[in-house]
C-alpha cells in the first residue's frame, strides 16, 4: 500500500518515500544508476536532493520486502522501484530498487 497508510511517507518527510514507474518509460534507464549518484526531485512543497546508496534487484518469492527494501532506508529517504528485467513485461514480481538518502544542506 502506498502513502502513510502503508508505512511510506511523503517525499521530504521523516521516513521513507517511494517512487515507482514503468520500466519501459520513466525508469527505463534506472539500471544505469549507481551508488553515489544524485537524485533531484522538485515538488510544489520544495526541492530535494537524494544520494543513491545502493542499487539491487529484489527477487520476489526469495527476498523479504521488509528487510531488503523498506527497512534499509535512512531517516529521510526514498526508494525508486521498477519492474525487472527492464524493457520487458514482468510477471515474476522482481523489482530493480535504488535506495537513497536525503542529502544534508
Protein backbone atom coordinates (compact mmCIF):
# COMPACT_ATOMS: atom_id res chain seq x y z
CA UNK A 1 0.00 0.00 0.00
CA UNK A 2 1.32 3.44 -0.88
CA UNK A 3 1.39 6.50 1.34
CA UNK A 4 1.46 6.79 5.10
CA UNK A 5 -1.20 4.07 5.42
CA UNK A 6 1.31 1.58 4.04
CA UNK A 7 4.23 2.94 6.02
CA UNK A 8 5.58 5.11 3.20
CA UNK A 9 5.93 8.84 3.84
CA UNK A 10 5.68 11.88 1.62
CA UNK A 11 8.97 12.83 -0.01
CA UNK A 12 10.92 15.14 2.26
CA UNK A 13 9.20 13.99 5.44
CA UNK A 14 10.89 11.87 8.07
CA UNK A 15 10.72 8.25 6.99
CA UNK A 16 10.77 6.56 3.60
CA UNK A 17 9.07 7.65 0.42
CA UNK A 18 8.69 5.51 -2.67
CA UNK A 19 8.56 6.37 -6.34
CA UNK A 20 7.68 3.60 -8.78
CA UNK A 21 7.47 3.90 -12.54
CA UNK A 22 7.23 1.69 -15.61
CA UNK A 23 10.43 0.01 -16.73
CA UNK A 24 9.85 0.88 -20.38
CA UNK A 25 9.10 4.57 -19.85
CA UNK A 26 10.21 6.85 -16.99
CA UNK A 27 12.55 4.31 -15.35
CA UNK A 28 13.79 2.52 -18.48
CA UNK A 29 17.38 3.54 -17.63
CA UNK A 30 17.20 3.11 -13.85
CA UNK A 31 19.79 0.33 -14.08
CA UNK A 32 22.37 2.97 -15.08
CA UNK A 33 22.24 4.50 -11.60
CA UNK A 34 24.91 3.64 -9.10
CA UNK A 35 25.82 4.35 -5.51
CA UNK A 36 26.87 7.99 -5.21
CA UNK A 37 24.58 9.28 -7.95
CA UNK A 38 22.28 12.17 -7.04
CA UNK A 39 18.50 12.22 -7.45
CA UNK A 40 16.86 15.65 -7.77
CA UNK A 41 13.16 15.96 -7.02
CA UNK A 42 11.22 19.20 -7.42
CA UNK A 43 7.78 19.41 -5.92
CA UNK A 44 5.34 22.16 -5.11
CA UNK A 45 6.41 21.89 -1.48
CA UNK A 46 10.14 22.11 -2.16
CA UNK A 47 13.24 20.81 -3.89
CA UNK A 48 15.01 17.74 -2.55
CA UNK A 49 18.35 16.09 -3.30
CA UNK A 50 18.97 12.44 -2.50
CA UNK A 51 22.11 10.34 -2.74
CA UNK A 52 21.84 6.82 -4.15
CA UNK A 53 23.24 4.46 -1.55
CA UNK A 54 22.53 1.08 -3.10
CA UNK A 55 21.16 -0.43 -6.32
CA UNK A 56 19.92 -4.01 -6.25
CA UNK A 57 17.34 -6.45 -7.58
CA UNK A 58 14.59 -7.55 -5.23
CA UNK A 59 13.72 -11.17 -6.05
CA UNK A 60 10.05 -11.84 -5.49
CA UNK A 61 9.49 -15.04 -3.53
CA UNK A 62 13.12 -15.10 -2.41
CA UNK A 63 13.81 -11.78 -0.69
CA UNK A 64 11.79 -10.27 2.13
CA UNK A 65 10.39 -6.89 1.01
CA UNK A 66 10.50 -5.50 4.55
CA UNK A 67 14.15 -6.49 5.10
CA UNK A 68 15.57 -5.69 1.67
CA UNK A 69 13.64 -2.61 0.54
CA UNK A 70 11.57 -0.99 3.24
CA UNK A 71 13.77 -1.23 6.34
CA UNK A 72 17.07 -0.23 4.72
CA UNK A 73 16.28 3.44 4.13
CA UNK A 74 17.58 6.22 6.36
CA UNK A 75 15.59 8.70 8.41
CA UNK A 76 14.84 10.83 5.35
CA UNK A 77 14.98 8.66 2.29
CA UNK A 78 13.32 7.33 -0.81
CA UNK A 79 13.37 4.14 -2.78
CA UNK A 80 12.95 4.10 -6.54
CA UNK A 81 11.47 0.90 -7.94
CA UNK A 82 10.58 -0.57 -11.31
CA UNK A 83 9.87 -4.00 -12.73
CA UNK A 84 12.90 -6.12 -13.55
CA UNK A 85 14.25 -7.02 -16.03
CA UNK A 86 13.96 -3.67 -17.76
CA UNK A 87 12.07 -3.18 -21.03
CA UNK A 88 10.26 -6.50 -20.67
CA UNK A 89 6.84 -7.41 -19.39
CA UNK A 90 7.32 -8.65 -15.87
CA UNK A 91 5.24 -11.43 -14.47
CA UNK A 92 7.75 -12.52 -11.83
CA UNK A 93 7.35 -9.65 -9.35
CA UNK A 94 11.11 -8.92 -9.36
CA UNK A 95 11.99 -5.23 -8.92
CA UNK A 96 15.03 -3.08 -9.57
CA UNK A 97 15.48 -0.93 -6.46
CA UNK A 98 17.56 2.20 -5.83
CA UNK A 99 17.78 3.06 -2.12
CA UNK A 100 18.53 6.75 -1.48
CA UNK A 101 19.08 9.04 1.48
CA UNK A 102 18.37 12.76 1.60
CA UNK A 103 21.48 14.90 1.42
CA UNK A 104 22.08 17.43 4.17
CA UNK A 105 22.31 21.05 3.08
